Amino acid sequence: MKRLSIILGLLFVASVGFGQTKKAKIMTTAQCNMCKKTIEKAVNSMEGIEMAELDVTSKKLHVKFNSDKLDLQAIREKVASVGYQADDVKAKEEAYNALPPCCQLGGHD
């Protein structure tokens, strides 16, 4: 019984130390696989991101992140900083203008 209590105590301490994992979807203006690569690379480089994957067809970025280290708004702002809109956060103009033509709005029309 004492062993069980120790094990449960250690599991509790370990779970508290790892923080809260959250999942979210962010709507982007991504259009192609180059967009996918750019966004995923930027977001996956952030401390606290466990996984970021963009579905180009739906334009949705699926993220898993540690909410003790990062919030959803910071992720949106990271996407905007590389030239893409993220939900209601507008793309940074300079970054957007530096994107290849195929990654800009209408680039695949």
Protein backbone atom coordinates (compact mmCIF):
# COMPACT_ATOMS: atom_id res chain seq x y z
CA MET A 1 0.00 0.00 0.00
CA LYS A 2 2.83 2.39 0.83
CA ARG A 3 4.42 1.68 -2.55
CA LEU A 4 1.16 2.45 -4.33
CA SER A 5 0.91 5.80 -2.51
CA ILE A 6 4.48 6.69 -3.49
CA ILE A 7 3.87 5.75 -7.12
CA LEU A 8 0.64 7.77 -7.27
CA GLY A 9 2.40 10.73 -5.65
CA LEU A 10 5.21 10.61 -8.21
CA LEU A 11 2.73 10.39 -11.08
CA PHE A 12 0.89 13.44 -9.74
CA VAL A 13 4.09 15.46 -9.41
CA ALA A 14 5.17 14.43 -12.92
CA SER A 15 1.83 15.42 -14.45
CA VAL A 16 1.92 18.84 -12.76
CA GLY A 17 5.47 19.42 -13.98
CA PHE A 18 4.56 18.85 -17.63
CA GLY A 19 1.88 21.53 -17.80
CA GLN A 20 -1.38 21.53 -19.65
CA THR A 21 -1.51 20.27 -23.25
CA LYS A 22 -4.15 21.98 -25.36
CA LYS A 23 -5.27 21.43 -28.93
CA ALA A 24 -6.52 24.11 -31.30
CA LYS A 25 -7.23 24.83 -34.96
CA ILE A 26 -6.23 28.08 -36.58
CA MET A 27 -7.65 29.17 -39.94
CA THR A 28 -4.89 30.45 -42.25
CA THR A 29 -4.55 31.88 -45.73
CA ALA A 30 -2.17 29.10 -46.81
CA GLN A 31 -2.52 27.93 -50.40
CA CYS A 32 0.13 25.36 -51.23
CA ASN A 33 2.78 23.00 -49.90
CA MET A 34 5.33 25.84 -49.75
CA CYS A 35 2.93 27.65 -47.41
CA LYS A 36 2.59 24.46 -45.37
CA LYS A 37 6.36 24.13 -45.02
CA THR A 38 6.83 27.78 -44.03
CA ILE A 39 4.06 27.81 -41.42
CA GLU A 40 4.89 24.43 -39.90
CA LYS A 41 8.58 25.29 -39.63
CA ALA A 42 7.86 28.61 -37.92
CA VAL A 43 5.31 27.26 -35.46
CA ASN A 44 7.15 24.02 -34.66
CA SER A 45 10.21 26.10 -33.72
CA MET A 46 8.30 27.77 -30.86
CA GLU A 47 9.00 26.65 -27.31
CA GLY A 48 5.91 24.91 -25.97
CA ILE A 49 4.69 23.53 -29.31
CA GLU A 50 4.23 19.78 -29.26
CA MET A 51 2.90 19.50 -32.81
CA ALA A 52 1.83 21.83 -35.61
CA GLU A 53 0.45 20.45 -38.86
CA LEU A 54 -1.27 22.36 -41.65
CA ASP A 55 -3.99 20.81 -43.79
CA VAL A 56 -3.59 22.73 -47.05
CA THR A 57 -7.03 21.72 -48.36
CA SER A 58 -8.92 23.15 -45.37
CA LYS A 59 -6.23 25.81 -44.66
CA LYS A 60 -6.43 24.84 -40.97
CA LEU A 61 -3.37 24.62 -38.77
CA HIS A 62 -3.77 21.93 -36.11
CA VAL A 63 -1.65 22.59 -33.05
CA LYS A 64 -0.90 20.88 -29.75
CA PHE A 65 0.84 23.11 -27.25
CA ASN A 66 1.78 23.48 -23.61
CA SER A 67 -0.44 26.26 -22.30
CA ASP A 68 1.95 26.92 -19.40
CA LYS A 69 4.59 28.07 -21.91
CA LEU A 70 2.52 29.47 -24.76
CA ASP A 71 -0.92 30.81 -25.56
CA LEU A 72 -2.98 30.56 -28.72
CA GLN A 73 -2.59 34.25 -29.53
CA ALA A 74 1.22 33.89 -29.63
CA ILE A 75 0.82 31.06 -32.15
CA ARG A 76 -1.46 33.19 -34.31
CA GLU A 77 1.06 36.03 -34.19
CA LYS A 78 3.87 33.67 -35.23
CA VAL A 79 1.85 32.60 -38.29
CA ALA A 80 1.20 36.27 -39.11
CA SER A 81 4.91 37.07 -38.74
CA VAL A 82 5.75 34.75 -41.65
CA GLY A 83 3.14 36.33 -43.95
CA TYR A 84 -0.15 34.50 -43.41
CA GLN A 85 -3.39 35.51 -41.75
CA ALA A 86 -4.21 33.42 -38.68
CA ASP A 87 -7.87 33.57 -37.63
CA ASP A 88 -8.42 37.31 -37.08
CA VAL A 89 -4.72 38.22 -36.88
CA LYS A 90 -3.65 39.88 -40.12
CA ALA A 91 -0.45 38.85 -41.87
CA LYS A 92 2.53 41.15 -41.38
CA GLU A 93 2.66 43.18 -44.60
CA GLU A 94 6.43 42.98 -45.07
CA ALA A 95 6.44 39.20 -44.59
CA TYR A 96 3.43 38.77 -46.90
CA ASN A 97 5.09 40.83 -49.64
CA ALA A 98 8.21 38.65 -49.36
CA LEU A 99 6.25 35.44 -49.98
CA PRO A 100 6.59 33.76 -53.38
CA PRO A 101 3.70 34.72 -55.74
CA CYS A 102 2.15 31.26 -55.40
CA CYS A 103 1.80 31.78 -51.63
CA GLN A 104 0.08 35.15 -51.92
CA LEU A 105 -3.69 35.37 -52.15
CA GLY A 106 -4.84 34.46 -55.64
CA GLY A 107 -1.50 32.85 -56.44
CA HIS A 108 -3.19 29.62 -57.49
CA ASP A 109 -6.11 31.10 -59.45
